N, C-alpha and C. Protein backbone atom coordinates (compact mmCIF):
# COMPACT_ATOMS: atom_id res chain seq x y z
N MET A 1 0.47 8.87 -19.64
CA MET A 1 1.30 7.56 -19.31
C MET A 1 1.30 6.44 -18.21
N SER A 2 1.11 5.42 -18.74
CA SER A 2 0.44 4.54 -17.59
C SER A 2 1.86 3.98 -15.94
N LEU A 3 1.47 3.68 -15.59
CA LEU A 3 2.38 3.17 -14.59
C LEU A 3 3.18 1.97 -15.25
N THR A 4 2.59 1.38 -15.79
CA THR A 4 3.57 -0.12 -16.80
C THR A 4 4.95 0.22 -17.52
N GLU A 5 4.28 1.68 -18.47
CA GLU A 5 5.26 2.26 -18.78
C GLU A 5 6.20 3.14 -18.28
N GLU A 6 5.89 3.62 -17.09
CA GLU A 6 6.87 4.57 -16.48
C GLU A 6 7.77 3.97 -15.64
N VAL A 7 6.92 2.82 -15.20
CA VAL A 7 8.31 1.69 -14.36
C VAL A 7 9.07 1.37 -15.42
N SER A 8 8.56 0.75 -16.49
CA SER A 8 9.59 0.49 -17.64
C SER A 8 10.77 1.32 -17.55
N LYS A 9 10.35 2.80 -18.03
CA LYS A 9 11.45 3.40 -18.23
C LYS A 9 12.34 3.73 -16.97
N GLU A 10 11.83 3.57 -16.03
CA GLU A 10 12.52 3.59 -14.73
C GLU A 10 13.83 2.78 -14.42
N VAL A 11 13.03 1.55 -15.21
CA VAL A 11 13.81 0.38 -15.19
C VAL A 11 15.28 0.51 -15.55
N ILE A 12 15.39 1.14 -16.72
CA ILE A 12 16.58 1.59 -17.78
C ILE A 12 16.68 2.67 -17.13
N VAL A 13 16.59 4.07 -16.52
CA VAL A 13 17.05 4.64 -15.88
C VAL A 13 18.19 4.22 -14.69
N ALA A 14 17.79 3.44 -13.96
CA ALA A 14 17.89 2.86 -12.64
C ALA A 14 19.32 2.19 -13.25
N LEU A 15 19.49 0.80 -14.21
CA LEU A 15 20.29 -0.09 -15.07
C LEU A 15 21.31 0.73 -15.18
N LYS A 16 21.22 2.17 -16.23
CA LYS A 16 22.32 3.30 -16.53
C LYS A 16 22.78 3.63 -15.68
N ALA A 17 21.69 3.77 -14.29
CA ALA A 17 23.07 4.49 -13.27
C ALA A 17 23.87 3.60 -12.44
N GLY A 18 23.00 2.69 -13.07
CA GLY A 18 24.42 1.56 -12.17
C GLY A 18 23.56 0.97 -10.91
N ASP A 19 22.17 1.43 -10.57
CA ASP A 19 21.36 1.08 -9.25
C ASP A 19 20.76 -0.31 -9.13
N LYS A 20 21.18 -1.17 -8.82
CA LYS A 20 21.02 -2.95 -8.89
C LYS A 20 19.94 -2.99 -8.00
N PRO A 21 20.06 -2.66 -6.85
CA PRO A 21 18.84 -2.43 -6.12
C PRO A 21 17.17 -2.48 -6.56
N LYS A 22 17.70 -0.42 -6.93
CA LYS A 22 15.86 -0.15 -7.54
C LYS A 22 15.83 -0.82 -8.98
N ALA A 23 16.77 -1.39 -9.72
CA ALA A 23 16.47 -1.59 -10.67
C ALA A 23 15.82 -3.53 -10.83
N ALA A 24 16.18 -3.82 -9.50
CA ALA A 24 16.17 -5.39 -9.15
C ALA A 24 13.98 -4.53 -8.33
N THR A 25 14.13 -4.35 -7.75
CA THR A 25 12.66 -3.69 -6.92
C THR A 25 12.21 -3.25 -7.99
N LEU A 26 12.26 -2.40 -9.29
CA LEU A 26 11.28 -1.77 -10.48
C LEU A 26 11.35 -3.35 -11.23
N ARG A 27 12.00 -3.80 -11.67
CA ARG A 27 11.70 -5.15 -12.25
C ARG A 27 10.36 -6.02 -11.92
N LEU A 28 10.91 -6.24 -10.15
CA LEU A 28 9.69 -7.16 -9.64
C LEU A 28 8.29 -6.18 -9.82
N LEU A 29 8.17 -5.43 -9.52
CA LEU A 29 6.88 -4.62 -9.67
C LEU A 29 6.68 -4.66 -11.33
N LEU A 30 7.58 -4.07 -11.92
CA LEU A 30 6.80 -4.61 -13.49
C LEU A 30 6.46 -5.74 -14.29
N CYS A 31 6.73 -6.39 -13.23
CA CYS A 31 6.74 -8.06 -13.23
C CYS A 31 4.94 -8.35 -13.46
N ALA A 32 5.10 -7.62 -11.87
CA ALA A 32 3.62 -8.08 -11.16
C ALA A 32 2.99 -7.07 -12.50
N LEU A 33 3.02 -6.23 -12.49
CA LEU A 33 1.99 -5.01 -13.17
C LEU A 33 1.89 -6.15 -14.68
N GLN A 34 2.60 -6.09 -15.50
CA GLN A 34 2.74 -7.38 -16.67
C GLN A 34 2.12 -8.17 -16.58
N ASN A 35 2.14 -9.19 -15.28
CA ASN A 35 1.34 -10.07 -15.42
C ASN A 35 -0.32 -10.30 -15.03
N LYS A 36 -0.70 -9.09 -14.46
CA LYS A 36 -1.84 -8.80 -13.86
C LYS A 36 -2.50 -8.09 -14.94
N GLU A 37 -1.86 -7.82 -16.21
CA GLU A 37 -2.48 -7.24 -17.54
C GLU A 37 -2.61 -8.77 -18.34
N LYS A 38 -1.62 -9.27 -17.96
CA LYS A 38 -2.12 -10.75 -19.06
C LYS A 38 -2.96 -11.48 -18.28
N ASP A 39 -3.24 -11.49 -17.56
CA ASP A 39 -4.76 -12.16 -16.45
C ASP A 39 -6.06 -11.00 -17.02
N LEU A 40 -5.70 -9.56 -17.16
CA LEU A 40 -7.19 -9.37 -17.11
C LEU A 40 -7.54 -9.37 -18.78
N LYS A 41 -5.99 -9.31 -19.26
CA LYS A 41 -6.17 -8.89 -21.18
C LYS A 41 -6.67 -7.78 -21.87
N ARG A 42 -6.10 -6.87 -20.83
CA ARG A 42 -6.04 -5.77 -20.58
C ARG A 42 -5.05 -4.71 -20.35
N SER A 43 -4.90 -3.47 -20.55
CA SER A 43 -4.34 -2.53 -19.40
C SER A 43 -4.77 -1.78 -18.22
N LEU A 44 -4.07 -1.93 -17.29
CA LEU A 44 -4.45 -1.38 -15.99
C LEU A 44 -5.02 -0.56 -15.78
N ASP A 45 -5.63 0.18 -15.11
CA ASP A 45 -6.50 1.56 -14.99
C ASP A 45 -5.22 1.98 -14.20
N ASP A 46 -4.97 3.17 -13.69
CA ASP A 46 -4.18 3.55 -12.39
C ASP A 46 -4.78 3.11 -10.89
N ALA A 47 -6.00 3.25 -10.75
CA ALA A 47 -6.49 2.47 -9.36
C ALA A 47 -6.18 0.79 -9.38
N GLU A 48 -5.94 0.03 -10.31
CA GLU A 48 -5.77 -1.00 -10.44
C GLU A 48 -3.92 -1.40 -10.32
N ALA A 49 -3.92 -0.75 -11.18
CA ALA A 49 -1.87 -0.18 -10.65
C ALA A 49 -1.31 -0.20 -9.51
N GLN A 50 -2.24 0.95 -8.99
CA GLN A 50 -1.81 1.63 -7.53
C GLN A 50 -2.10 0.36 -6.49
N GLN A 51 -3.17 -0.53 -6.89
CA GLN A 51 -3.65 -1.50 -5.85
C GLN A 51 -2.64 -2.57 -5.75
N MET A 52 -1.64 -2.74 -7.18
CA MET A 52 -0.61 -3.75 -7.11
C MET A 52 0.65 -3.19 -6.25
N VAL A 53 0.80 -2.04 -6.38
CA VAL A 53 2.16 -1.50 -5.53
C VAL A 53 1.69 -1.47 -3.95
N ALA A 54 0.03 -1.35 -3.95
CA ALA A 54 -0.27 -1.94 -2.40
C ALA A 54 0.19 -2.93 -1.83
N THR A 55 -0.51 -4.13 -3.11
CA THR A 55 0.41 -5.24 -2.35
C THR A 55 1.44 -5.28 -1.76
N LEU A 56 2.32 -5.46 -3.11
CA LEU A 56 3.58 -5.65 -3.05
C LEU A 56 4.16 -4.52 -1.70
N LEU A 57 3.85 -3.47 -1.29
CA LEU A 57 4.01 -3.20 0.23
C LEU A 57 3.79 -3.75 1.29
N ARG A 58 2.58 -4.69 1.26
CA ARG A 58 1.96 -4.74 2.50
C ARG A 58 3.10 -6.09 2.33
N GLN A 59 3.40 -6.80 0.81
CA GLN A 59 4.24 -8.15 1.36
C GLN A 59 5.52 -8.02 1.82
N ARG A 60 5.54 -6.46 1.67
CA ARG A 60 6.64 -6.24 2.26
C ARG A 60 7.12 -6.29 3.02
N ASN A 61 6.34 -5.11 4.17
CA ASN A 61 6.05 -4.90 5.26
C ASN A 61 5.85 -6.28 6.36
N GLU A 62 5.12 -7.17 6.03
CA GLU A 62 5.09 -8.72 6.54
C GLU A 62 6.91 -9.04 6.45
N SER A 63 7.20 -9.48 5.88
CA SER A 63 8.89 -9.83 5.52
C SER A 63 9.21 -9.11 6.31
N VAL A 64 9.60 -7.97 6.55
CA VAL A 64 9.85 -7.31 7.67
C VAL A 64 9.63 -7.40 8.91
N GLU A 65 8.76 -8.26 9.33
CA GLU A 65 8.06 -8.79 10.74
C GLU A 65 9.03 -10.07 11.12
N GLN A 66 9.06 -10.70 10.12
CA GLN A 66 9.04 -12.33 9.45
C GLN A 66 10.51 -12.19 9.80
N PHE A 67 11.47 -11.18 9.15
CA PHE A 67 12.53 -11.34 9.06
C PHE A 67 13.22 -11.06 10.72
N ARG A 68 12.87 -9.84 11.13
CA ARG A 68 12.81 -9.44 12.63
C ARG A 68 12.68 -10.64 13.14
N LYS A 69 11.94 -10.82 13.77
CA LYS A 69 11.21 -12.19 14.66
C LYS A 69 12.30 -13.13 13.98
N GLY A 70 12.93 -13.51 13.10
CA GLY A 70 14.06 -14.82 12.81
C GLY A 70 15.39 -14.21 13.01
N GLY A 71 15.37 -13.04 13.00
CA GLY A 71 16.77 -12.49 13.75
C GLY A 71 17.34 -12.24 12.02
N ARG A 72 17.13 -12.30 11.42
CA ARG A 72 17.86 -11.86 10.14
C ARG A 72 17.73 -10.41 9.31
N GLU A 73 18.60 -9.68 10.13
CA GLU A 73 18.31 -8.04 10.29
C GLU A 73 18.64 -7.55 8.51
N GLU A 74 19.70 -8.34 8.02
CA GLU A 74 20.30 -8.39 7.00
C GLU A 74 19.17 -8.30 5.81
N LEU A 75 18.45 -8.95 5.65
CA LEU A 75 16.81 -9.31 5.21
C LEU A 75 16.05 -8.12 5.23
N ALA A 76 15.34 -8.00 6.51
CA ALA A 76 15.11 -6.74 6.62
C ALA A 76 15.21 -5.65 6.06
N LEU A 77 16.50 -5.29 6.24
CA LEU A 77 17.25 -4.07 6.09
C LEU A 77 16.76 -3.78 4.54
N LYS A 78 16.89 -5.11 3.58
CA LYS A 78 16.75 -5.12 1.89
C LYS A 78 15.28 -4.87 1.87
N GLU A 79 14.19 -5.37 2.49
CA GLU A 79 12.89 -4.97 2.01
C GLU A 79 12.64 -3.98 2.61
N GLU A 80 13.52 -3.22 3.69
CA GLU A 80 12.71 -1.72 3.56
C GLU A 80 13.31 -0.73 2.87
N ALA A 81 14.38 -0.88 2.29
CA ALA A 81 14.93 -0.10 1.33
C ALA A 81 14.25 -1.01 -0.24
N GLU A 82 13.83 -1.39 -0.25
CA GLU A 82 12.44 -2.09 -1.77
C GLU A 82 11.16 -1.32 -1.33
N ILE A 83 10.96 -1.66 0.10
CA ILE A 83 9.18 -0.15 0.79
C ILE A 83 9.86 0.81 0.09
N VAL A 84 10.91 1.67 0.56
CA VAL A 84 11.12 3.19 -0.03
C VAL A 84 11.18 3.06 -1.15
N ILE A 85 11.74 2.59 -2.19
CA ILE A 85 11.27 2.21 -4.05
C ILE A 85 9.96 2.26 -4.36
N LEU A 86 9.13 0.99 -3.73
CA LEU A 86 7.81 1.04 -4.05
C LEU A 86 7.12 2.34 -3.72
N LYS A 87 7.34 2.75 -2.17
CA LYS A 87 6.10 4.09 -2.40
C LYS A 87 6.38 5.04 -2.80
N GLU A 88 7.54 5.73 -3.62
CA GLU A 88 7.69 6.01 -4.86
C GLU A 88 6.80 6.35 -5.78
N TYR A 89 5.77 5.24 -6.28
CA TYR A 89 5.04 5.25 -6.93
C TYR A 89 3.09 5.21 -6.46
N LEU A 90 3.38 5.53 -5.12
CA LEU A 90 1.57 5.31 -4.92
C LEU A 90 1.35 7.07 -4.14
N PRO A 91 0.39 7.59 -4.36
CA PRO A 91 0.21 8.69 -3.66
C PRO A 91 0.50 8.75 -2.69
N PRO A 92 0.69 10.09 -1.93
CA PRO A 92 1.08 10.43 -0.41
C PRO A 92 -0.22 10.10 0.12
N GLN A 93 0.24 9.02 1.93
CA GLN A 93 -0.35 8.29 2.78
C GLN A 93 -1.30 9.68 3.52
N LEU A 94 -2.26 9.14 4.00
CA LEU A 94 -2.64 10.20 5.30
C LEU A 94 -2.39 10.23 6.43
N SER A 95 -2.26 10.82 7.63
CA SER A 95 -1.46 10.65 8.56
C SER A 95 -2.83 10.32 9.34
N LYS A 96 -2.05 9.49 10.74
CA LYS A 96 -2.85 9.26 11.16
C LYS A 96 -4.01 10.19 12.19
N ASP A 97 -3.69 11.19 12.02
CA ASP A 97 -4.65 12.40 12.31
C ASP A 97 -6.02 12.55 11.59
N GLU A 98 -5.26 12.71 10.30
CA GLU A 98 -6.16 12.78 9.45
C GLU A 98 -6.88 11.64 8.98
N VAL A 99 -6.94 9.94 9.36
CA VAL A 99 -7.67 9.18 9.49
C VAL A 99 -8.50 9.29 10.74
N LEU A 100 -7.81 9.57 11.59
CA LEU A 100 -8.99 10.11 12.71
C LEU A 100 -10.26 10.60 12.58
N ALA A 101 -9.74 11.95 11.92
CA ALA A 101 -10.73 12.80 11.33
C ALA A 101 -11.67 12.44 10.56
N VAL A 102 -11.75 11.55 9.82
CA VAL A 102 -12.54 10.74 8.59
C VAL A 102 -13.44 9.49 9.32
N VAL A 103 -12.67 9.15 9.96
CA VAL A 103 -13.19 7.75 11.48
C VAL A 103 -14.32 8.43 12.02
N LYS A 104 -14.02 9.43 12.57
CA LYS A 104 -15.13 9.97 13.84
C LYS A 104 -16.22 11.19 12.90
N GLU A 105 -15.47 11.17 11.71
CA GLU A 105 -16.67 12.15 10.61
C GLU A 105 -18.15 11.24 10.51
N LYS A 106 -17.63 9.75 9.87
CA LYS A 106 -18.05 8.78 9.82
C LYS A 106 -18.73 8.16 10.12
N ALA A 107 -18.44 7.70 11.90
CA ALA A 107 -19.00 7.12 12.86
C ALA A 107 -20.29 8.25 13.51
N ALA A 108 -19.94 9.58 13.37
CA ALA A 108 -21.21 10.66 13.55
C ALA A 108 -22.33 10.19 12.54
N GLU A 109 -21.67 10.40 11.52
CA GLU A 109 -23.21 10.21 10.19
C GLU A 109 -23.96 8.94 9.72
N LEU A 110 -22.85 7.65 10.54
CA LEU A 110 -23.71 6.29 10.72
C LEU A 110 -24.18 6.06 12.05
N GLY A 111 -23.62 7.02 12.91
CA GLY A 111 -24.51 6.76 14.54
C GLY A 111 -23.84 5.38 15.19
N ALA A 112 -22.35 5.18 14.89
CA ALA A 112 -21.77 4.50 15.08
C ALA A 112 -21.37 4.32 16.56
N THR A 113 -21.44 3.90 17.41
CA THR A 113 -21.05 3.91 18.85
C THR A 113 -20.34 2.34 19.73
N SER A 114 -20.62 1.37 18.76
CA SER A 114 -20.20 0.41 19.54
C SER A 114 -19.42 -1.03 18.53
N MET A 115 -18.82 -1.98 19.15
CA MET A 115 -17.73 -2.43 18.22
C MET A 115 -18.81 -3.34 17.37
N GLY A 116 -20.17 -3.70 17.17
CA GLY A 116 -21.04 -3.84 16.74
C GLY A 116 -21.09 -3.33 15.71
N ASP A 117 -20.75 -2.14 15.65
CA ASP A 117 -20.94 -1.42 14.71
C ASP A 117 -19.78 -1.04 13.17
N MET A 118 -18.60 -2.10 13.49
CA MET A 118 -17.51 -2.05 13.59
C MET A 118 -17.41 -2.15 11.73
N GLY A 119 -18.43 -3.28 11.62
CA GLY A 119 -17.95 -3.68 9.72
C GLY A 119 -19.11 -2.58 8.75
N LYS A 120 -19.82 -1.75 9.51
CA LYS A 120 -20.44 -0.60 8.74
C LYS A 120 -19.54 0.57 8.29
N LEU A 121 -19.23 0.88 9.37
CA LEU A 121 -18.41 1.96 9.87
C LEU A 121 -16.94 1.46 8.74
N MET A 122 -16.40 0.41 9.12
CA MET A 122 -15.12 -0.14 8.05
C MET A 122 -15.59 0.15 6.52
N LYS A 123 -16.86 -0.43 6.72
CA LYS A 123 -16.85 -0.21 4.38
C LYS A 123 -16.93 1.09 4.23
N ALA A 124 -17.86 2.52 5.24
CA ALA A 124 -18.09 3.59 4.89
C ALA A 124 -16.62 4.26 5.20
N VAL A 125 -15.58 4.04 5.59
CA VAL A 125 -14.06 4.47 5.70
C VAL A 125 -13.22 4.07 4.78
N MET A 126 -13.41 2.51 4.08
CA MET A 126 -13.23 2.38 3.40
C MET A 126 -13.55 2.85 1.66
N SER A 127 -14.46 3.52 1.88
CA SER A 127 -14.82 3.46 0.72
C SER A 127 -14.42 5.41 0.26
N VAL A 128 -13.81 5.71 1.35
CA VAL A 128 -13.63 6.92 1.48
C VAL A 128 -11.98 7.24 1.08
N LEU A 129 -11.06 6.35 2.10
CA LEU A 129 -9.58 5.94 2.40
C LEU A 129 -9.07 5.13 1.71
N LYS A 130 -9.99 4.80 0.71
CA LYS A 130 -8.86 3.21 -0.13
C LYS A 130 -7.93 3.64 -0.95
N GLY A 131 -6.85 3.61 -0.72
CA GLY A 131 -5.60 3.68 -1.62
C GLY A 131 -4.95 4.94 -0.97
N LYS A 132 -5.34 5.69 0.04
CA LYS A 132 -5.00 7.07 0.83
C LYS A 132 -4.33 6.44 1.86
N ALA A 133 -4.58 5.60 2.69
CA ALA A 133 -4.02 5.41 3.93
C ALA A 133 -3.99 3.55 4.40
N GLU A 134 -3.38 3.43 4.66
CA GLU A 134 -2.89 1.79 4.89
C GLU A 134 -4.31 1.47 5.33
N GLY A 135 -4.90 0.11 5.03
CA GLY A 135 -6.10 -1.07 5.54
C GLY A 135 -5.73 -0.72 7.28
N ARG A 136 -4.26 -1.20 7.73
CA ARG A 136 -3.55 -1.57 9.06
C ARG A 136 -4.52 -0.35 10.41
N LEU A 137 -3.80 0.76 9.65
CA LEU A 137 -4.19 2.10 10.06
C LEU A 137 -5.57 2.60 10.24
N ILE A 138 -6.04 2.35 9.09
CA ILE A 138 -7.75 2.43 9.01
C ILE A 138 -8.41 1.59 10.17
N ASN A 139 -8.25 0.50 10.14
CA ASN A 139 -8.80 -0.46 10.83
C ASN A 139 -8.61 -0.47 12.63
N GLU A 140 -7.27 -0.01 13.07
CA GLU A 140 -6.74 0.21 13.80
C GLU A 140 -7.15 1.54 14.53
N THR A 141 -7.28 2.54 13.65
CA THR A 141 -8.54 3.92 14.37
C THR A 141 -10.15 3.69 14.37
N VAL A 142 -10.31 2.85 13.52
CA VAL A 142 -11.93 2.57 13.89
C VAL A 142 -12.11 2.15 15.41
N LYS A 143 -11.40 1.05 15.23
CA LYS A 143 -11.14 -0.11 16.73
C LYS A 143 -10.83 0.97 18.13
N GLU A 144 -10.10 1.94 18.08
CA GLU A 144 -9.82 3.03 19.01
C GLU A 144 -11.06 3.81 19.02
N VAL A 145 -12.08 4.32 17.75
CA VAL A 145 -13.08 5.59 17.88
C VAL A 145 -14.24 4.43 18.50
N LEU A 146 -14.26 3.41 18.34
CA LEU A 146 -15.59 2.64 18.52
C LEU A 146 -15.16 1.89 20.11
N GLY A 147 -14.01 1.98 20.27
CA GLY A 147 -13.36 1.63 21.68
C GLY A 147 -13.96 2.50 22.86
N SER A 148 -13.49 3.78 22.60
CA SER A 148 -13.48 5.08 23.66
C SER A 148 -15.21 5.12 24.02
């Protein structure tokens, strides 16, 4: 079953359960997935669907930061609730220690030792960790390894 079909069924379950916040979040996800399918004129594969979920998560995280800066805590909490729901549709994310181990391994393979090597190290690490860890965490870890 594709992620689009799964989300579609989950919307119905949430509506029947009376869980309006979850239903609204899942409708938003379903709409994004369906729009992407229309643009591509084909069904999304699992990697593309997960990328859409990751994009929505990144948008929510940015919104939380902006709402907090603007003193809108109630909107930040709403976005955080959506983040929890959306994370259910992604594979488990790696911890900082696991990311650090991969970055150190790739740095040793490539002989990357300075910030000038950041581009090639990021490319190598992203090919291994794409979808398994947030880009921001990977970037910070690469900077940490190359900076020390």
